[in-house]
């Protein structure tokens, strides 16, 4: 399998460090990618990178993205533990990227119904999400009480080298004035 790509927003560094510390304390390695909020998943983002100029153009024309990160949740299907994200701007950027890139196929969660989130742990063998959720509720109780607002002024292109690898930022693209 070739490298995979996605386009994402970074949380503030202090929150990213807290997420990474939580993962390390709980032995979570499968979600070891740099903490991020995906705005365009890998569908249509081929390894030939021919889509990059179009994606950069969309990002450059888009205003900074307002994001609010809240407390932990588990998706209803039990697939992941995540921090709740409220960001109509992120959804609009996601839809703009879909419209411009026109991927031949897309994931079922892509589109205007996207649920932005910051993954903390992914359900895998040996990962007890209910226990992790309880620990995350204690660790991130402040975000449940007082969600963290911030404005993202750039997106990052993230690359996963292949199976077993983790996504890491390889380029930052500034958001424009809108």
N, C-alpha and C. Protein backbone atom coordinates (compact mmCIF):
# COMPACT_ATOMS: atom_id res chain seq x y z
N UNK A 1 0.84 -1.18 0.00
CA UNK A 1 0.00 0.00 0.00
C UNK A 1 0.89 1.24 0.00
N UNK A 2 0.64 2.17 -0.92
CA UNK A 2 1.45 3.39 -0.96
C UNK A 2 1.13 4.31 0.20
N UNK A 3 1.87 5.38 0.28
CA UNK A 3 1.64 6.38 1.31
C UNK A 3 0.22 6.92 1.20
N UNK A 4 -0.32 7.34 2.35
CA UNK A 4 -1.65 7.95 2.40
C UNK A 4 -1.51 9.38 2.89
N UNK A 5 -2.45 10.23 2.49
CA UNK A 5 -2.40 11.64 2.84
C UNK A 5 -3.74 12.09 3.39
N UNK A 6 -3.70 13.14 4.21
CA UNK A 6 -4.91 13.82 4.66
C UNK A 6 -4.57 15.28 4.90
N UNK A 7 -5.60 16.11 5.00
CA UNK A 7 -5.44 17.54 5.28
C UNK A 7 -6.12 17.80 6.61
N UNK A 8 -5.44 18.51 7.50
CA UNK A 8 -5.95 18.64 8.87
C UNK A 8 -5.63 20.00 9.48
N UNK A 9 -6.32 20.26 10.58
CA UNK A 9 -6.05 21.41 11.44
C UNK A 9 -5.31 20.91 12.67
N UNK A 10 -4.39 21.71 13.16
CA UNK A 10 -3.69 21.36 14.40
C UNK A 10 -4.36 22.06 15.58
N UNK A 11 -4.48 21.35 16.70
CA UNK A 11 -4.96 22.03 17.91
C UNK A 11 -3.83 22.87 18.49
N UNK A 12 -4.13 23.73 19.45
CA UNK A 12 -3.05 24.48 20.11
C UNK A 12 -2.01 23.51 20.70
N UNK A 13 -0.74 23.90 20.70
CA UNK A 13 0.33 23.00 21.16
C UNK A 13 0.10 22.43 22.57
N UNK A 14 -0.45 23.24 23.47
CA UNK A 14 -0.66 22.75 24.84
C UNK A 14 -1.65 21.59 24.85
N UNK A 15 -2.71 21.68 24.05
CA UNK A 15 -3.69 20.60 23.98
C UNK A 15 -3.09 19.38 23.28
N UNK A 16 -2.34 19.59 22.22
CA UNK A 16 -1.68 18.47 21.54
C UNK A 16 -0.79 17.71 22.51
N UNK A 17 -0.05 18.44 23.34
CA UNK A 17 0.83 17.80 24.32
C UNK A 17 0.02 17.00 25.35
N UNK A 18 -1.12 17.52 25.76
CA UNK A 18 -1.97 16.79 26.71
C UNK A 18 -2.50 15.50 26.10
N UNK A 19 -2.91 15.55 24.84
CA UNK A 19 -3.41 14.36 24.15
C UNK A 19 -2.29 13.32 24.03
N UNK A 20 -1.11 13.76 23.64
CA UNK A 20 0.02 12.84 23.51
C UNK A 20 0.40 12.25 24.86
N UNK A 21 0.34 13.04 25.93
CA UNK A 21 0.65 12.53 27.27
C UNK A 21 -0.39 11.49 27.69
N UNK A 22 -1.66 11.74 27.40
CA UNK A 22 -2.72 10.78 27.72
C UNK A 22 -2.47 9.47 26.98
N UNK A 23 -2.19 9.56 25.69
CA UNK A 23 -1.91 8.35 24.91
C UNK A 23 -0.74 7.58 25.50
N UNK A 24 0.34 8.28 25.81
CA UNK A 24 1.54 7.62 26.36
C UNK A 24 1.23 6.95 27.70
N UNK A 25 0.49 7.63 28.55
CA UNK A 25 0.17 7.09 29.87
C UNK A 25 -0.70 5.84 29.78
N UNK A 26 -1.44 5.70 28.70
CA UNK A 26 -2.35 4.56 28.53
C UNK A 26 -1.86 3.56 27.49
N UNK A 27 -0.64 3.73 27.02
CA UNK A 27 -0.08 2.78 26.06
C UNK A 27 -0.78 2.76 24.72
N UNK A 28 -1.40 3.87 24.36
CA UNK A 28 -2.10 3.96 23.08
C UNK A 28 -1.08 4.33 22.00
N UNK A 29 -0.85 3.39 21.09
CA UNK A 29 0.13 3.65 20.04
C UNK A 29 -0.49 3.69 18.65
N UNK A 30 -1.70 3.14 18.48
CA UNK A 30 -2.30 3.10 17.15
C UNK A 30 -2.83 4.46 16.71
N UNK A 31 -3.06 5.35 17.65
CA UNK A 31 -3.52 6.70 17.31
C UNK A 31 -2.37 7.68 17.54
N UNK A 32 -1.15 7.19 17.34
CA UNK A 32 0.03 7.97 17.71
C UNK A 32 0.36 9.10 16.74
N UNK A 33 -0.49 9.31 15.77
CA UNK A 33 -0.27 10.43 14.86
C UNK A 33 -0.30 11.73 15.65
N UNK A 34 0.33 12.72 15.10
CA UNK A 34 0.25 14.06 15.69
C UNK A 34 -1.23 14.41 15.87
N UNK A 35 -1.63 14.88 17.04
CA UNK A 35 -3.05 15.24 17.24
C UNK A 35 -3.51 16.25 16.17
N UNK A 36 -4.69 15.98 15.61
CA UNK A 36 -5.18 16.82 14.52
C UNK A 36 -6.69 16.64 14.37
N UNK A 37 -7.28 17.57 13.65
CA UNK A 37 -8.69 17.51 13.26
C UNK A 37 -8.70 17.40 11.74
N UNK A 38 -9.11 16.26 11.22
CA UNK A 38 -9.11 16.04 9.78
C UNK A 38 -10.17 16.90 9.10
N UNK A 39 -9.77 17.62 8.05
CA UNK A 39 -10.74 18.34 7.23
C UNK A 39 -10.90 17.71 5.84
N UNK A 40 -9.95 16.86 5.44
CA UNK A 40 -10.11 16.06 4.22
C UNK A 40 -9.37 14.75 4.43
N UNK A 41 -10.16 13.67 4.48
CA UNK A 41 -9.59 12.34 4.63
C UNK A 41 -8.93 11.89 3.33
N UNK A 42 -8.34 10.74 3.36
CA UNK A 42 -7.46 10.28 2.28
C UNK A 42 -8.15 9.96 0.95
N UNK A 43 -9.47 9.81 0.91
CA UNK A 43 -10.11 9.48 -0.37
C UNK A 43 -9.82 10.55 -1.41
N UNK A 44 -9.28 10.13 -2.55
CA UNK A 44 -8.96 11.05 -3.63
C UNK A 44 -7.63 11.76 -3.49
N UNK A 45 -6.95 11.55 -2.37
CA UNK A 45 -5.65 12.20 -2.16
C UNK A 45 -4.55 11.20 -2.52
N UNK A 46 -4.37 11.01 -3.81
CA UNK A 46 -3.46 9.99 -4.32
C UNK A 46 -1.99 10.35 -4.11
N UNK A 47 -1.16 9.30 -4.09
CA UNK A 47 0.27 9.47 -3.85
C UNK A 47 0.97 10.24 -4.95
N UNK A 48 0.33 10.41 -6.13
CA UNK A 48 0.96 11.18 -7.21
C UNK A 48 0.94 12.68 -6.93
N UNK A 49 0.16 13.10 -5.94
CA UNK A 49 0.09 14.49 -5.47
C UNK A 49 -0.42 15.49 -6.51
N UNK A 50 -1.04 15.02 -7.58
CA UNK A 50 -1.57 15.95 -8.59
C UNK A 50 -2.69 16.82 -8.03
N UNK A 51 -3.31 16.43 -6.95
CA UNK A 51 -4.41 17.15 -6.31
C UNK A 51 -3.91 18.31 -5.42
N UNK A 52 -2.62 18.33 -5.09
CA UNK A 52 -2.09 19.31 -4.14
C UNK A 52 -2.32 20.76 -4.59
N UNK A 53 -2.02 21.16 -5.82
CA UNK A 53 -2.25 22.56 -6.19
C UNK A 53 -3.71 22.99 -6.02
N UNK A 54 -4.64 22.11 -6.36
CA UNK A 54 -6.06 22.44 -6.20
C UNK A 54 -6.40 22.62 -4.72
N UNK A 55 -5.95 21.69 -3.90
CA UNK A 55 -6.22 21.78 -2.45
C UNK A 55 -5.59 23.04 -1.85
N UNK A 56 -4.36 23.34 -2.24
CA UNK A 56 -3.70 24.56 -1.74
C UNK A 56 -4.51 25.80 -2.13
N UNK A 57 -5.04 25.81 -3.36
CA UNK A 57 -5.83 26.95 -3.81
C UNK A 57 -7.09 27.13 -2.99
N UNK A 58 -7.78 26.04 -2.66
CA UNK A 58 -8.97 26.13 -1.81
C UNK A 58 -8.60 26.69 -0.45
N UNK A 59 -7.54 26.16 0.13
CA UNK A 59 -7.10 26.59 1.46
C UNK A 59 -6.71 28.08 1.44
N UNK A 60 -5.98 28.50 0.42
CA UNK A 60 -5.54 29.90 0.33
C UNK A 60 -6.70 30.87 0.23
N UNK A 61 -7.82 30.41 -0.33
CA UNK A 61 -8.98 31.28 -0.49
C UNK A 61 -9.92 31.24 0.71
N UNK A 62 -9.61 30.42 1.70
CA UNK A 62 -10.51 30.19 2.83
C UNK A 62 -10.01 30.96 4.05
N UNK A 63 -10.92 31.59 4.76
CA UNK A 63 -10.57 32.36 5.96
C UNK A 63 -10.11 31.43 7.08
N UNK A 64 -9.41 31.98 8.09
CA UNK A 64 -9.06 31.16 9.25
C UNK A 64 -10.28 30.42 9.79
N UNK A 65 -10.04 29.24 10.33
CA UNK A 65 -11.10 28.34 10.77
C UNK A 65 -11.26 28.43 12.28
N UNK A 66 -12.46 28.78 12.71
CA UNK A 66 -12.76 28.85 14.14
C UNK A 66 -13.18 27.47 14.62
N UNK A 67 -12.56 27.04 15.71
CA UNK A 67 -12.73 25.69 16.24
C UNK A 67 -12.95 25.78 17.74
N UNK A 68 -13.82 24.93 18.27
CA UNK A 68 -13.98 24.79 19.72
C UNK A 68 -13.87 23.31 20.05
N UNK A 69 -12.95 22.99 20.95
CA UNK A 69 -12.73 21.59 21.33
C UNK A 69 -13.31 21.37 22.71
N UNK A 70 -14.14 20.33 22.81
CA UNK A 70 -14.81 19.99 24.05
C UNK A 70 -14.36 18.66 24.60
N UNK A 71 -15.16 18.13 25.48
CA UNK A 71 -14.83 16.92 26.22
C UNK A 71 -14.85 15.65 25.39
N UNK A 72 -14.40 14.56 26.01
CA UNK A 72 -14.27 13.28 25.31
C UNK A 72 -15.60 12.57 25.09
N UNK A 73 -15.65 11.80 24.01
CA UNK A 73 -16.80 10.98 23.62
C UNK A 73 -16.26 9.72 22.94
N UNK A 74 -17.14 8.74 22.77
CA UNK A 74 -16.86 7.57 21.94
C UNK A 74 -17.93 7.55 20.86
N UNK A 75 -17.50 7.34 19.61
CA UNK A 75 -18.47 7.25 18.53
C UNK A 75 -19.47 6.14 18.82
N UNK A 76 -20.71 6.32 18.38
CA UNK A 76 -21.78 5.36 18.61
C UNK A 76 -21.45 3.96 18.13
N UNK A 77 -20.64 3.86 17.08
CA UNK A 77 -20.27 2.54 16.57
C UNK A 77 -19.07 1.95 17.32
N UNK A 78 -18.57 2.68 18.33
CA UNK A 78 -17.47 2.19 19.14
C UNK A 78 -16.11 2.20 18.47
N UNK A 79 -15.96 2.96 17.39
CA UNK A 79 -14.72 2.92 16.62
C UNK A 79 -13.58 3.76 17.20
N UNK A 80 -13.90 4.78 17.99
CA UNK A 80 -12.83 5.65 18.48
C UNK A 80 -13.29 6.48 19.67
N UNK A 81 -12.31 6.81 20.50
CA UNK A 81 -12.45 7.79 21.58
C UNK A 81 -11.91 9.10 21.01
N UNK A 82 -12.65 10.18 21.18
CA UNK A 82 -12.24 11.44 20.58
C UNK A 82 -12.62 12.62 21.47
N UNK A 83 -12.02 13.77 21.19
CA UNK A 83 -12.44 15.02 21.79
C UNK A 83 -13.42 15.68 20.81
N UNK A 84 -14.54 16.10 21.35
CA UNK A 84 -15.60 16.72 20.56
C UNK A 84 -15.08 18.02 19.94
N UNK A 85 -15.44 18.24 18.68
CA UNK A 85 -15.05 19.46 17.98
C UNK A 85 -16.30 20.11 17.40
N UNK A 86 -16.48 21.38 17.70
CA UNK A 86 -17.55 22.16 17.07
C UNK A 86 -16.87 23.17 16.15
N UNK A 87 -17.16 23.06 14.85
CA UNK A 87 -16.56 23.98 13.90
C UNK A 87 -17.31 23.96 12.56
N UNK A 88 -18.36 24.78 12.44
CA UNK A 88 -18.99 24.90 11.12
C UNK A 88 -17.99 25.31 10.04
N UNK A 89 -16.97 26.10 10.41
CA UNK A 89 -15.95 26.51 9.44
C UNK A 89 -15.19 25.30 8.91
N UNK A 90 -14.82 24.36 9.79
CA UNK A 90 -14.09 23.16 9.36
C UNK A 90 -14.94 22.34 8.40
N UNK A 91 -16.24 22.24 8.68
CA UNK A 91 -17.14 21.50 7.79
C UNK A 91 -17.22 22.21 6.44
N UNK A 92 -17.31 23.54 6.44
CA UNK A 92 -17.36 24.28 5.17
C UNK A 92 -16.06 24.09 4.37
N UNK A 93 -14.92 24.11 5.05
CA UNK A 93 -13.65 23.88 4.37
C UNK A 93 -13.62 22.46 3.80
N UNK A 94 -14.08 21.50 4.57
CA UNK A 94 -14.16 20.11 4.11
C UNK A 94 -14.99 20.00 2.83
N UNK A 95 -16.17 20.60 2.83
CA UNK A 95 -17.06 20.55 1.66
C UNK A 95 -16.42 21.27 0.47
N UNK A 96 -15.75 22.39 0.72
CA UNK A 96 -15.08 23.11 -0.36
C UNK A 96 -13.98 22.25 -0.98
N UNK A 97 -13.23 21.53 -0.15
CA UNK A 97 -12.19 20.63 -0.68
C UNK A 97 -12.82 19.49 -1.48
N UNK A 98 -13.90 18.91 -0.97
CA UNK A 98 -14.59 17.85 -1.73
C UNK A 98 -15.07 18.37 -3.09
N UNK A 99 -15.69 19.56 -3.08
CA UNK A 99 -16.20 20.14 -4.33
C UNK A 99 -15.08 20.39 -5.33
N UNK A 100 -13.95 20.86 -4.85
CA UNK A 100 -12.84 21.17 -5.76
C UNK A 100 -12.11 19.93 -6.24
N UNK A 101 -11.93 18.96 -5.36
CA UNK A 101 -11.13 17.78 -5.70
C UNK A 101 -11.94 16.70 -6.42
N UNK A 102 -13.24 16.67 -6.18
CA UNK A 102 -14.12 15.68 -6.83
C UNK A 102 -13.54 14.26 -6.78
N UNK A 103 -13.29 13.71 -5.57
CA UNK A 103 -12.75 12.35 -5.51
C UNK A 103 -13.71 11.35 -6.16
N UNK A 104 -13.14 10.35 -6.84
CA UNK A 104 -13.96 9.34 -7.52
C UNK A 104 -14.83 8.58 -6.53
N UNK A 105 -14.33 8.41 -5.33
CA UNK A 105 -15.12 7.79 -4.27
C UNK A 105 -14.78 8.53 -2.98
N UNK A 106 -15.69 8.42 -2.03
CA UNK A 106 -15.45 9.08 -0.75
C UNK A 106 -15.98 8.20 0.36
N UNK A 107 -15.48 8.46 1.55
CA UNK A 107 -15.93 7.71 2.71
C UNK A 107 -17.34 8.16 3.08
N UNK A 108 -18.11 7.28 3.69
CA UNK A 108 -19.49 7.59 4.05
C UNK A 108 -19.63 8.76 5.00
N UNK A 109 -18.60 9.02 5.79
CA UNK A 109 -18.68 10.13 6.74
C UNK A 109 -18.30 11.47 6.12
N UNK A 110 -17.86 11.46 4.86
CA UNK A 110 -17.49 12.72 4.22
C UNK A 110 -18.72 13.42 3.66
N UNK A 111 -18.69 14.74 3.65
CA UNK A 111 -19.79 15.54 3.15
C UNK A 111 -20.25 16.52 4.20
N UNK A 112 -21.36 17.20 3.96
CA UNK A 112 -21.82 18.24 4.90
C UNK A 112 -22.20 17.69 6.27
N UNK A 113 -22.36 16.38 6.38
CA UNK A 113 -22.69 15.75 7.67
C UNK A 113 -21.44 15.35 8.46
N UNK A 114 -20.25 15.72 7.98
CA UNK A 114 -18.99 15.39 8.66
C UNK A 114 -19.08 15.74 10.15
N UNK A 115 -18.53 14.87 11.00
CA UNK A 115 -18.42 15.14 12.43
C UNK A 115 -16.95 15.41 12.74
N UNK A 116 -16.55 16.68 12.76
CA UNK A 116 -15.15 16.96 13.10
C UNK A 116 -14.84 16.44 14.51
N UNK A 117 -13.64 15.94 14.69
CA UNK A 117 -13.24 15.40 15.99
C UNK A 117 -11.72 15.32 16.05
N UNK A 118 -11.21 15.16 17.26
CA UNK A 118 -9.78 14.96 17.47
C UNK A 118 -9.65 13.57 18.11
N UNK A 119 -9.18 12.60 17.33
CA UNK A 119 -9.07 11.23 17.83
C UNK A 119 -8.03 11.13 18.94
N UNK A 120 -8.41 10.40 19.98
CA UNK A 120 -7.50 10.13 21.10
C UNK A 120 -7.04 8.68 21.04
N UNK A 121 -7.96 7.75 20.79
CA UNK A 121 -7.64 6.32 20.67
C UNK A 121 -8.62 5.67 19.71
N UNK A 122 -8.12 4.71 18.97
CA UNK A 122 -8.93 3.97 18.01
C UNK A 122 -9.17 2.57 18.57
N UNK A 123 -10.38 2.05 18.37
CA UNK A 123 -10.71 0.71 18.86
C UNK A 123 -9.86 -0.33 18.13
N UNK A 124 -9.08 -1.04 18.89
CA UNK A 124 -8.24 -2.13 18.38
C UNK A 124 -8.22 -3.22 19.44
N UNK A 125 -7.73 -4.39 19.06
CA UNK A 125 -7.59 -5.47 20.03
C UNK A 125 -6.74 -4.99 21.21
N UNK A 126 -7.22 -5.23 22.39
CA UNK A 126 -6.49 -4.84 23.59
C UNK A 126 -6.75 -3.42 24.06
N UNK A 127 -7.54 -2.65 23.30
CA UNK A 127 -7.87 -1.27 23.69
C UNK A 127 -9.28 -1.28 24.29
N UNK A 128 -9.38 -0.94 25.56
CA UNK A 128 -10.66 -0.92 26.27
C UNK A 128 -11.19 0.51 26.27
N UNK A 129 -11.98 0.84 25.23
CA UNK A 129 -12.46 2.22 25.09
C UNK A 129 -13.32 2.68 26.26
N UNK A 130 -14.21 1.86 26.85
CA UNK A 130 -14.98 2.35 28.00
C UNK A 130 -14.09 2.78 29.17
N UNK A 131 -13.03 2.02 29.45
CA UNK A 131 -12.11 2.41 30.52
C UNK A 131 -11.35 3.66 30.13
N UNK A 132 -10.89 3.71 28.88
CA UNK A 132 -10.18 4.90 28.42
C UNK A 132 -11.09 6.13 28.47
N UNK A 133 -12.37 5.95 28.13
CA UNK A 133 -13.30 7.07 28.17
C UNK A 133 -13.40 7.62 29.59
N UNK A 134 -13.52 6.75 30.57
CA UNK A 134 -13.60 7.21 31.96
C UNK A 134 -12.35 7.99 32.35
N UNK A 135 -11.20 7.48 31.96
CA UNK A 135 -9.94 8.19 32.26
C UNK A 135 -9.86 9.52 31.50
N UNK A 136 -10.32 9.50 30.25
CA UNK A 136 -10.30 10.74 29.45
C UNK A 136 -11.26 11.77 30.03
N UNK A 137 -12.40 11.32 30.54
CA UNK A 137 -13.34 12.26 31.16
C UNK A 137 -12.71 12.95 32.35
N UNK A 138 -11.90 12.23 33.09
CA UNK A 138 -11.20 12.85 34.23
C UNK A 138 -10.08 13.77 33.74
N UNK A 139 -9.30 13.30 32.79
CA UNK A 139 -8.15 14.07 32.29
C UNK A 139 -8.57 15.34 31.57
N UNK A 140 -9.66 15.26 30.80
CA UNK A 140 -10.10 16.39 29.99
C UNK A 140 -11.39 17.01 30.51
N UNK A 141 -11.62 16.89 31.83
CA UNK A 141 -12.86 17.43 32.44
C UNK A 141 -12.97 18.93 32.20
N UNK A 142 -11.85 19.62 32.15
CA UNK A 142 -11.87 21.07 31.92
C UNK A 142 -12.48 21.41 30.56
N UNK A 143 -12.25 20.56 29.56
CA UNK A 143 -12.80 20.82 28.23
C UNK A 143 -14.31 20.57 28.19
N UNK A 144 -14.78 19.69 29.04
CA UNK A 144 -16.22 19.45 29.14
C UNK A 144 -16.89 20.67 29.78
N UNK A 145 -16.27 21.19 30.82
CA UNK A 145 -16.79 22.36 31.54
C UNK A 145 -16.65 23.63 30.72
N UNK A 146 -15.48 23.78 30.13
CA UNK A 146 -15.12 25.03 29.46
C UNK A 146 -14.40 24.71 28.15
N UNK A 147 -15.16 24.44 27.07
CA UNK A 147 -14.52 24.08 25.79
C UNK A 147 -13.50 25.14 25.35
N UNK A 148 -12.49 24.66 24.63
CA UNK A 148 -11.36 25.50 24.22
C UNK A 148 -11.56 26.04 22.80
N UNK A 149 -11.77 27.37 22.68
CA UNK A 149 -11.89 27.95 21.33
C UNK A 149 -10.51 28.39 20.82
N UNK A 150 -10.32 28.25 19.53
CA UNK A 150 -9.11 28.80 18.89
C UNK A 150 -9.39 29.01 17.41
N UNK A 151 -8.52 29.77 16.76
CA UNK A 151 -8.62 30.00 15.32
C UNK A 151 -7.41 29.37 14.66
N UNK A 152 -7.66 28.46 13.74
CA UNK A 152 -6.58 27.85 12.97
C UNK A 152 -6.27 28.76 11.80
N UNK A 153 -5.01 29.10 11.63
CA UNK A 153 -4.59 29.99 10.56
C UNK A 153 -3.88 29.25 9.44
N UNK A 154 -3.76 27.92 9.60
CA UNK A 154 -3.16 27.09 8.57
C UNK A 154 -3.73 25.68 8.68
N UNK A 155 -3.60 24.94 7.60
CA UNK A 155 -3.86 23.51 7.62
C UNK A 155 -2.53 22.82 7.39
N UNK A 156 -2.49 21.54 7.72
CA UNK A 156 -1.28 20.77 7.45
C UNK A 156 -1.61 19.60 6.55
N UNK A 157 -0.70 19.33 5.63
CA UNK A 157 -0.75 18.12 4.83
C UNK A 157 -0.04 17.07 5.65
N UNK A 158 -0.74 15.95 5.91
CA UNK A 158 -0.16 14.88 6.71
C UNK A 158 0.03 13.65 5.83
N UNK A 159 1.11 12.92 6.10
CA UNK A 159 1.46 11.73 5.31
C UNK A 159 1.65 10.55 6.24
N UNK A 160 1.10 9.42 5.83
CA UNK A 160 1.31 8.14 6.52
C UNK A 160 2.11 7.28 5.55
N UNK A 161 3.29 6.79 5.96
CA UNK A 161 4.15 6.10 5.00
C UNK A 161 3.62 4.76 4.51
N UNK A 162 2.69 4.16 5.21
CA UNK A 162 2.13 2.87 4.81
C UNK A 162 1.55 2.17 6.02
N UNK A 163 1.15 0.92 5.86
CA UNK A 163 0.54 0.18 6.97
C UNK A 163 1.44 0.18 8.20
N UNK A 164 0.83 0.42 9.34
CA UNK A 164 1.59 0.44 10.58
C UNK A 164 2.25 1.78 10.88
N UNK A 165 2.28 2.67 9.90
CA UNK A 165 2.88 3.98 10.12
C UNK A 165 1.87 4.93 10.73
N UNK A 166 2.34 6.07 11.14
CA UNK A 166 1.47 7.10 11.71
C UNK A 166 1.52 8.35 10.83
N UNK A 167 0.40 9.05 10.77
CA UNK A 167 0.36 10.31 10.02
C UNK A 167 1.25 11.34 10.72
N UNK A 168 2.00 12.08 9.93
CA UNK A 168 2.83 13.17 10.43
C UNK A 168 2.74 14.34 9.45
N UNK A 169 2.77 15.55 9.96
CA UNK A 169 2.70 16.74 9.12
C UNK A 169 3.96 16.84 8.26
N UNK A 170 3.75 17.14 6.97
CA UNK A 170 4.88 17.32 6.05
C UNK A 170 4.92 18.72 5.45
N UNK A 171 3.79 19.42 5.45
CA UNK A 171 3.73 20.79 4.94
C UNK A 171 2.63 21.53 5.67
N UNK A 172 2.81 22.83 5.82
CA UNK A 172 1.76 23.69 6.36
C UNK A 172 1.33 24.64 5.24
N UNK A 173 0.01 24.81 5.10
CA UNK A 173 -0.54 25.71 4.08
C UNK A 173 -1.35 26.78 4.79
N UNK A 174 -0.98 28.06 4.63
CA UNK A 174 -1.73 29.11 5.31
C UNK A 174 -3.14 29.28 4.74
N UNK A 175 -4.07 29.49 5.63
CA UNK A 175 -5.42 29.87 5.23
C UNK A 175 -5.40 31.32 4.81
N UNK A 176 -6.23 31.68 3.87
CA UNK A 176 -6.24 33.05 3.35
C UNK A 176 -7.16 33.97 4.12
N UNK A 177 -7.61 35.00 3.47
CA UNK A 177 -8.48 35.99 4.11
C UNK A 177 -9.95 35.70 3.88
N UNK A 178 -10.24 34.70 3.06
CA UNK A 178 -11.64 34.31 2.84
C UNK A 178 -12.30 35.02 1.71
